[in-house]
Amino acid sequence: MKKEISELEFKLIGIFGKLILDFIFSFSRITETGFEHIESIMNSRKLVAGVWHSRILAFIYLYKGLNGAALVSQAQDGEIIARILQKQGFDPVRGSTTRGGTKALALLVRKIKSGQAAVITPDGPQGPRYKVQPGIISLAQKAGVPILPMAYSAKHCIIFSSWDRFILPYPFSPCYIVYGRPVYVPRDAGRQAWEQSRLDLEKELCRITQQADQYFGRHTP
């Protein structure tokens, strides 16, 4: 049975989480590739960013202050992430494919239409790893925006033994960001086209994750 975390502890977690995140990445040499192909979409903020659960940290740092709406689990672990996201200038929306998903999806659609970009980890919060779940496809279809696949890797990092093989870069470690090709979900997509969009996103996310890892001579865990 997990210990309940107090409100004060949550606040401290948010503060120290932000400090640690900023410390890790502010001293890292970050190299990017592929951004020129999606720059106009990023500037419009009419998008859903798709990032594997294990590869989210760099983007929480890079896009702090963006006021992007991020889907976060309703579990206690999700509250920890939500507090750090808030300190980084994100707008957490609580829900997942298993709890509160329908309401969270509807709220995200409204936020996108009001001008906020959205961020989803399509294999979260419990996996399977590197398998796109349906929520992100439904969101893009209902909101009428493209999905932008994003991934990163680090030369020196800890790879946890969690279900997602989460990576935590060491401070000062070089990092490599890869932006993939946008995935568009037709508004009138039937079951076959909808499933094809899901597979396209999954394939592209796997491709750019492997590209990021191979940059440092590492096989994707």
C-alpha atoms as a PDB file:
ATOM      1  CA  MET A   1       0.000   0.000   0.000  1.00  0.00           C
ATOM      2  CA  LYS A   2       1.441   3.330  -1.094  1.00  0.00           C
ATOM      3  CA  LYS A   3       1.938   6.100   1.459  1.00  0.00           C
ATOM      4  CA  GLU A   4      -0.294   9.097   0.867  1.00  0.00           C
ATOM      5  CA  ILE A   5       1.675  12.206  -0.066  1.00  0.00           C
ATOM      6  CA  SER A   6       0.682  15.457   1.624  1.00  0.00           C
ATOM      7  CA  GLU A   7      -0.042  18.707  -0.216  1.00  0.00           C
ATOM      8  CA  LEU A   8       3.173  20.226   1.144  1.00  0.00           C
ATOM      9  CA  GLU A   9       5.168  17.248  -0.106  1.00  0.00           C
ATOM     10  CA  PHE A  10       3.581  17.572  -3.548  1.00  0.00           C
ATOM     11  CA  LYS A  11       4.549  21.255  -3.663  1.00  0.00           C
ATOM     12  CA  LEU A  12       8.128  20.465  -2.694  1.00  0.00           C
ATOM     13  CA  ILE A  13       8.266  17.676  -5.289  1.00  0.00           C
ATOM     14  CA  GLY A  14       7.175  20.153  -7.963  1.00  0.00           C
ATOM     15  CA  ILE A  15       9.799  22.711  -6.939  1.00  0.00           C
ATOM     16  CA  PHE A  16      12.705  20.292  -6.643  1.00  0.00           C
ATOM     17  CA  GLY A  17      11.631  18.347  -9.712  1.00  0.00           C
ATOM     18  CA  LYS A  18      11.822  21.519 -11.788  1.00  0.00           C
ATOM     19  CA  LEU A  19      15.211  22.462 -10.317  1.00  0.00           C
ATOM     20  CA  ILE A  20      16.661  19.019 -11.077  1.00  0.00           C
ATOM     21  CA  LEU A  21      15.228  18.979 -14.610  1.00  0.00           C
ATOM     22  CA  ASP A  22      16.570  22.435 -15.408  1.00  0.00           C
ATOM     23  CA  PHE A  23      19.957  21.564 -13.945  1.00  0.00           C
ATOM     24  CA  ILE A  24      20.278  18.400 -16.038  1.00  0.00           C
ATOM     25  CA  PHE A  25      19.409  19.975 -19.376  1.00  0.00           C
ATOM     26  CA  SER A  26      20.652  23.551 -19.016  1.00  0.00           C
ATOM     27  CA  PHE A  27      24.231  22.254 -19.008  1.00  0.00           C
ATOM     28  CA  SER A  28      23.673  19.718 -21.801  1.00  0.00           C
ATOM     29  CA  ARG A  29      24.712  20.236 -25.411  1.00  0.00           C
ATOM     30  CA  ILE A  30      21.454  19.642 -27.246  1.00  0.00           C
ATOM     31  CA  THR A  31      21.517  18.860 -30.965  1.00  0.00           C
ATOM     32  CA  GLU A  32      18.316  18.731 -33.028  1.00  0.00           C
ATOM     33  CA  THR A  33      17.377  17.330 -36.403  1.00  0.00           C
ATOM     34  CA  GLY A  34      14.179  17.533 -38.433  1.00  0.00           C
ATOM     35  CA  PHE A  35      12.767  20.681 -36.818  1.00  0.00           C
ATOM     36  CA  GLU A  36      12.823  22.625 -40.056  1.00  0.00           C
ATOM     37  CA  HIS A  37      10.145  20.313 -41.474  1.00  0.00           C
ATOM     38  CA  ILE A  38       7.688  21.007 -38.655  1.00  0.00           C
ATOM     39  CA  GLU A  39       8.545  24.584 -37.705  1.00  0.00           C
ATOM     40  CA  SER A  40       5.422  26.123 -39.231  1.00  0.00           C
ATOM     41  CA  ILE A  41       3.208  23.615 -37.407  1.00  0.00           C
ATOM     42  CA  MET A  42       4.998  24.268 -34.119  1.00  0.00           C
ATOM     43  CA  ASN A  43       4.547  28.009 -34.544  1.00  0.00           C
ATOM     44  CA  SER A  44       0.817  27.540 -35.107  1.00  0.00           C
ATOM     45  CA  ARG A  45       0.480  25.501 -31.892  1.00  0.00           C
ATOM     46  CA  LYS A  46      -2.267  23.501 -33.587  1.00  0.00           C
ATOM     47  CA  LEU A  47      -0.792  20.088 -32.918  1.00  0.00           C
ATOM     48  CA  VAL A  48      -0.522  17.062 -30.697  1.00  0.00           C
ATOM     49  CA  ALA A  49       3.041  16.140 -29.737  1.00  0.00           C
ATOM     50  CA  GLY A  50       3.518  12.370 -29.452  1.00  0.00           C
ATOM     51  CA  VAL A  51       6.431  11.297 -27.221  1.00  0.00           C
ATOM     52  CA  TRP A  52       7.133   7.861 -25.782  1.00  0.00           C
ATOM     53  CA  HIS A  53       6.709   7.711 -22.006  1.00  0.00           C
ATOM     54  CA  SER A  54      10.413   7.003 -21.538  1.00  0.00           C
ATOM     55  CA  ARG A  55      11.530   9.978 -23.645  1.00  0.00           C
ATOM     56  CA  ILE A  56       9.496  12.862 -22.233  1.00  0.00           C
ATOM     57  CA  LEU A  57      12.006  14.657 -19.975  1.00  0.00           C
ATOM     58  CA  ALA A  58      13.905  16.652 -22.602  1.00  0.00           C
ATOM     59  CA  PHE A  59      10.688  18.053 -24.046  1.00  0.00           C
ATOM     60  CA  ILE A  60       9.383  19.118 -20.638  1.00  0.00           C
ATOM     61  CA  TYR A  61      12.555  21.195 -20.427  1.00  0.00           C
ATOM     62  CA  LEU A  62      12.726  22.431 -24.023  1.00  0.00           C
ATOM     63  CA  TYR A  63       9.122  23.639 -24.138  1.00  0.00           C
ATOM     64  CA  LYS A  64       8.750  24.967 -20.619  1.00  0.00           C
ATOM     65  CA  GLY A  65       6.555  28.050 -20.557  1.00  0.00           C
ATOM     66  CA  LEU A  66       4.730  26.912 -23.705  1.00  0.00           C
ATOM     67  CA  ASN A  67       1.447  26.512 -21.781  1.00  0.00           C
ATOM     68  CA  GLY A  68       0.940  23.249 -23.612  1.00  0.00           C
ATOM     69  CA  ALA A  69      -1.794  20.937 -22.324  1.00  0.00           C
ATOM     70  CA  ALA A  70      -0.297  17.613 -21.208  1.00  0.00           C
ATOM     71  CA  LEU A  71      -2.294  14.443 -20.510  1.00  0.00           C
ATOM     72  CA  VAL A  72      -1.294  13.011 -17.124  1.00  0.00           C
ATOM     73  CA  SER A  73      -2.519   9.914 -15.301  1.00  0.00           C
ATOM     74  CA  GLN A  74      -4.947  10.331 -12.389  1.00  0.00           C
ATOM     75  CA  ALA A  75      -2.829   8.046 -10.206  1.00  0.00           C
ATOM     76  CA  GLN A  76      -0.624   9.371  -7.392  1.00  0.00           C
ATOM     77  CA  ASP A  77       2.462   8.992  -9.590  1.00  0.00           C
ATOM     78  CA  GLY A  78       0.680  11.152 -12.139  1.00  0.00           C
ATOM     79  CA  GLU A  79       0.185  13.866  -9.523  1.00  0.00           C
ATOM     80  CA  ILE A  80       3.953  14.005  -9.046  1.00  0.00           C
ATOM     81  CA  ILE A  81       4.443  14.497 -12.784  1.00  0.00           C
ATOM     82  CA  ALA A  82       1.619  17.037 -12.902  1.00  0.00           C
ATOM     83  CA  ARG A  83       3.264  19.191 -10.236  1.00  0.00           C
ATOM     84  CA  ILE A  84       6.573  19.248 -12.110  1.00  0.00           C
ATOM     85  CA  LEU A  85       4.769  20.035 -15.376  1.00  0.00           C
ATOM     86  CA  GLN A  86       2.965  22.948 -13.721  1.00  0.00           C
ATOM     87  CA  LYS A  87       6.257  24.378 -12.510  1.00  0.00           C
ATOM     88  CA  GLN A  88       7.587  24.070 -16.049  1.00  0.00           C
ATOM     89  CA  GLY A  89       4.665  26.089 -17.388  1.00  0.00           C
ATOM     90  CA  PHE A  90       2.492  23.274 -18.721  1.00  0.00           C
ATOM     91  CA  ASP A  91      -1.239  22.801 -18.210  1.00  0.00           C
ATOM     92  CA  PRO A  92      -1.807  19.228 -16.912  1.00  0.00           C
ATOM     93  CA  VAL A  93      -5.046  17.483 -17.884  1.00  0.00           C
ATOM     94  CA  ARG A  94      -5.736  14.473 -15.697  1.00  0.00           C
ATOM     95  CA  GLY A  95      -6.886  11.232 -17.292  1.00  0.00           C
ATOM     96  CA  SER A  96      -5.712   8.147 -19.163  1.00  0.00           C
ATOM     97  CA  THR A  97      -6.973   5.314 -21.317  1.00  0.00           C
ATOM     98  CA  THR A  98      -8.154   3.534 -18.170  1.00  0.00           C
ATOM     99  CA  ARG A  99      -9.396   6.360 -15.907  1.00  0.00           C
ATOM    100  CA  GLY A 100     -11.108   9.602 -16.913  1.00  0.00           C
ATOM    101  CA  GLY A 101     -10.113   9.203 -20.539  1.00  0.00           C
ATOM    102  CA  THR A 102     -13.318  10.405 -22.204  1.00  0.00           C
ATOM    103  CA  LYS A 103     -13.567  13.623 -20.184  1.00  0.00           C
ATOM    104  CA  ALA A 104      -9.838  14.301 -20.558  1.00  0.00           C
ATOM    105  CA  LEU A 105     -10.061  13.818 -24.324  1.00  0.00           C
ATOM    106  CA  ALA A 106     -12.983  16.247 -24.616  1.00  0.00           C
ATOM    107  CA  LEU A 107     -11.130  18.823 -22.514  1.00  0.00           C
ATOM    108  CA  LEU A 108      -7.967  18.458 -24.613  1.00  0.00           C
ATOM    109  CA  VAL A 109      -9.974  19.007 -27.803  1.00  0.00           C
ATOM    110  CA  ARG A 110     -11.329  22.265 -26.368  1.00  0.00           C
ATOM    111  CA  LYS A 111      -7.882  23.393 -25.289  1.00  0.00           C
ATOM    112  CA  ILE A 112      -6.385  22.691 -28.726  1.00  0.00           C
ATOM    113  CA  LYS A 113      -9.178  24.615 -30.427  1.00  0.00           C
ATOM    114  CA  SER A 114      -8.544  27.528 -28.069  1.00  0.00           C
ATOM    115  CA  GLY A 115      -4.895  27.694 -29.169  1.00  0.00           C
ATOM    116  CA  GLN A 116      -2.970  25.344 -26.862  1.00  0.00           C
ATOM    117  CA  ALA A 117      -0.697  22.626 -28.166  1.00  0.00           C
ATOM    118  CA  ALA A 118      -1.215  19.197 -26.577  1.00  0.00           C
ATOM    119  CA  VAL A 119       1.302  16.589 -25.424  1.00  0.00           C
ATOM    120  CA  ILE A 120       0.552  12.888 -25.016  1.00  0.00           C
ATOM    121  CA  THR A 121       2.715   9.860 -24.238  1.00  0.00           C
ATOM    122  CA  PRO A 122       0.892   7.383 -26.497  1.00  0.00           C
ATOM    123  CA  ASP A 123       2.236   4.271 -24.756  1.00  0.00           C
ATOM    124  CA  GLY A 124       1.515   5.570 -21.248  1.00  0.00           C
ATOM    125  CA  PRO A 125       0.794   5.374 -18.434  1.00  0.00           C
ATOM    126  CA  GLN A 126       1.287   1.593 -18.199  1.00  0.00           C
ATOM    127  CA  GLY A 127       2.320   0.391 -21.638  1.00  0.00           C
ATOM    128  CA  PRO A 128       2.927  -1.801 -23.523  1.00  0.00           C
ATOM    129  CA  ARG A 129       6.163  -0.020 -24.319  1.00  0.00           C
ATOM    130  CA  TYR A 130       6.422   1.527 -27.789  1.00  0.00           C
ATOM    131  CA  LYS A 131       2.815   0.653 -28.658  1.00  0.00           C
ATOM    132  CA  VAL A 132       0.543   3.538 -29.614  1.00  0.00           C
ATOM    133  CA  GLN A 133      -2.768   3.486 -27.749  1.00  0.00           C
ATOM    134  CA  PRO A 134      -5.925   4.830 -29.440  1.00  0.00           C
ATOM    135  CA  GLY A 135      -6.322   8.062 -27.417  1.00  0.00           C
ATOM    136  CA  ILE A 136      -3.839  10.190 -29.339  1.00  0.00           C
ATOM    137  CA  ILE A 137      -5.379   9.195 -32.689  1.00  0.00           C
ATOM    138  CA  SER A 138      -8.888  10.060 -31.505  1.00  0.00           C
ATOM    139  CA  LEU A 139      -7.662  13.401 -30.157  1.00  0.00           C
ATOM    140  CA  ALA A 140      -5.971  14.407 -33.406  1.00  0.00           C
ATOM    141  CA  GLN A 141      -9.013  13.377 -35.420  1.00  0.00           C
ATOM    142  CA  LYS A 142     -11.513  15.265 -33.245  1.00  0.00           C
ATOM    143  CA  ALA A 143      -9.340  18.377 -32.964  1.00  0.00           C
ATOM    144  CA  GLY A 144      -8.352  18.336 -36.647  1.00  0.00           C
ATOM    145  CA  VAL A 145      -4.618  18.745 -35.981  1.00  0.00           C
ATOM    146  CA  PRO A 146      -1.498  16.761 -36.963  1.00  0.00           C
ATOM    147  CA  ILE A 147       0.501  14.580 -34.583  1.00  0.00           C
ATOM    148  CA  LEU A 148       4.178  15.479 -34.345  1.00  0.00           C
ATOM    149  CA  PRO A 149       6.364  12.501 -33.300  1.00  0.00           C
ATOM    150  CA  MET A 150       9.332  13.488 -31.109  1.00  0.00           C
ATOM    151  CA  ALA A 151      12.141  11.506 -29.490  1.00  0.00           C
ATOM    152  CA  TYR A 152      15.493  12.062 -27.846  1.00  0.00           C
ATOM    153  CA  SER A 153      18.456  10.177 -26.464  1.00  0.00           C
ATOM    154  CA  ALA A 154      21.429  11.023 -24.284  1.00  0.00           C
ATOM    155  CA  LYS A 155      25.042   9.941 -24.523  1.00  0.00           C
ATOM    156  CA  HIS A 156      25.295   9.284 -20.786  1.00  0.00           C
ATOM    157  CA  CYS A 157      22.150   8.283 -18.953  1.00  0.00           C
ATOM    158  CA  ILE A 158      20.516   5.931 -16.486  1.00  0.00           C
ATOM    159  CA  ILE A 159      18.097   3.442 -18.062  1.00  0.00           C
ATOM    160  CA  PHE A 160      15.620   2.320 -15.440  1.00  0.00           C
ATOM    161  CA  SER A 161      14.261  -1.224 -15.255  1.00  0.00           C
ATOM    162  CA  SER A 162      10.663   0.110 -15.307  1.00  0.00           C
ATOM    163  CA  TRP A 163       8.138  -1.097 -17.904  1.00  0.00           C
ATOM    164  CA  ASP A 164       8.987   1.821 -20.213  1.00  0.00           C
ATOM    165  CA  ARG A 165      12.809   1.646 -19.786  1.00  0.00           C
ATOM    166  CA  PHE A 166      12.751   5.315 -18.779  1.00  0.00           C
ATOM    167  CA  ILE A 167      15.954   7.255 -19.503  1.00  0.00           C
ATOM    168  CA  LEU A 168      17.413   9.904 -17.195  1.00  0.00           C
ATOM    169  CA  PRO A 169      20.376  11.800 -18.666  1.00  0.00           C
ATOM    170  CA  TYR A 170      23.337  12.660 -16.504  1.00  0.00           C
ATOM    171  CA  PRO A 171      24.063  16.383 -16.088  1.00  0.00           C
ATOM    172  CA  PHE A 172      26.312  17.714 -18.866  1.00  0.00           C
ATOM    173  CA  SER A 173      25.510  14.745 -21.122  1.00  0.00           C
ATOM    174  CA  PRO A 174      25.052  15.589 -24.826  1.00  0.00           C
ATOM    175  CA  CYS A 175      21.475  14.997 -25.988  1.00  0.00           C
ATOM    176  CA  TYR A 176      20.102  14.412 -29.472  1.00  0.00           C
ATOM    177  CA  ILE A 177      16.541  15.427 -30.415  1.00  0.00           C
ATOM    178  CA  VAL A 178      14.782  13.944 -33.458  1.00  0.00           C
ATOM    179  CA  TYR A 179      11.531  15.365 -34.867  1.00  0.00           C
ATOM    180  CA  GLY A 180       9.653  12.944 -37.073  1.00  0.00           C
ATOM    181  CA  ARG A 181       7.295  13.321 -39.992  1.00  0.00           C
ATOM    182  CA  PRO A 182       3.821  14.626 -39.044  1.00  0.00           C
ATOM    183  CA  VAL A 183       0.995  12.103 -38.990  1.00  0.00           C
ATOM    184  CA  TYR A 184      -2.397  13.322 -40.194  1.00  0.00           C
ATOM    185  CA  VAL A 185      -5.628  11.622 -39.180  1.00  0.00           C
ATOM    186  CA  PRO A 186      -8.448  12.320 -41.672  1.00  0.00           C
ATOM    187  CA  ARG A 187     -11.560  13.846 -40.083  1.00  0.00           C
ATOM    188  CA  ASP A 188     -13.720  11.258 -41.857  1.00  0.00           C
ATOM    189  CA  ALA A 189     -11.341   8.338 -41.266  1.00  0.00           C
ATOM    190  CA  GLY A 190     -13.056   4.961 -41.148  1.00  0.00           C
ATOM    191  CA  ARG A 191     -11.744   2.040 -39.142  1.00  0.00           C
ATOM    192  CA  GLN A 192      -9.103   1.066 -41.694  1.00  0.00           C
ATOM    193  CA  ALA A 193      -7.742   4.602 -42.213  1.00  0.00           C
ATOM    194  CA  TRP A 194      -7.853   5.232 -38.458  1.00  0.00           C
ATOM    195  CA  GLU A 195      -5.839   2.099 -37.742  1.00  0.00           C
ATOM    196  CA  GLN A 196      -3.377   3.001 -40.486  1.00  0.00           C
ATOM    197  CA  SER A 197      -2.765   6.364 -38.799  1.00  0.00           C
ATOM    198  CA  ARG A 198      -2.084   4.584 -35.514  1.00  0.00           C
ATOM    199  CA  LEU A 199       0.401   2.233 -37.170  1.00  0.00           C
ATOM    200  CA  ASP A 200       2.058   5.121 -39.038  1.00  0.00           C
ATOM    201  CA  LEU A 201       2.599   6.987 -35.770  1.00  0.00           C
ATOM    202  CA  GLU A 202       3.924   3.908 -34.008  1.00  0.00           C
ATOM    203  CA  LYS A 203       6.333   3.179 -36.845  1.00  0.00           C
ATOM    204  CA  GLU A 204       7.564   6.779 -37.015  1.00  0.00           C
ATOM    205  CA  LEU A 205       8.077   7.035 -33.254  1.00  0.00           C
ATOM    206  CA  CYS A 206      10.056   3.788 -33.260  1.00  0.00           C
ATOM    207  CA  ARG A 207      12.117   5.011 -36.218  1.00  0.00           C
ATOM    208  CA  ILE A 208      13.123   8.329 -34.653  1.00  0.00           C
ATOM    209  CA  THR A 209      13.779   6.713 -31.259  1.00  0.00           C
ATOM    210  CA  GLN A 210      16.188   4.297 -32.922  1.00  0.00           C
ATOM    211  CA  GLN A 211      17.760   7.199 -34.851  1.00  0.00           C
ATOM    212  CA  ALA A 212      18.301   9.131 -31.617  1.00  0.00           C
ATOM    213  CA  ASP A 213      19.866   6.135 -29.855  1.00  0.00           C
ATOM    214  CA  GLN A 214      22.033   5.199 -32.827  1.00  0.00           C
ATOM    215  CA  TYR A 215      23.473   8.727 -32.817  1.00  0.00           C
ATOM    216  CA  PHE A 216      25.295   7.667 -29.642  1.00  0.00           C
ATOM    217  CA  GLY A 217      25.938   4.115 -30.851  1.00  0.00           C
ATOM    218  CA  ARG A 218      23.273   2.609 -28.608  1.00  0.00           C
ATOM    219  CA  HIS A 219      20.570   0.074 -29.353  1.00  0.00           C
ATOM    220  CA  THR A 220      17.080   1.132 -28.269  1.00  0.00           C
ATOM    221  CA  PRO A 221      16.216  -0.689 -25.020  1.00  0.00           C
END
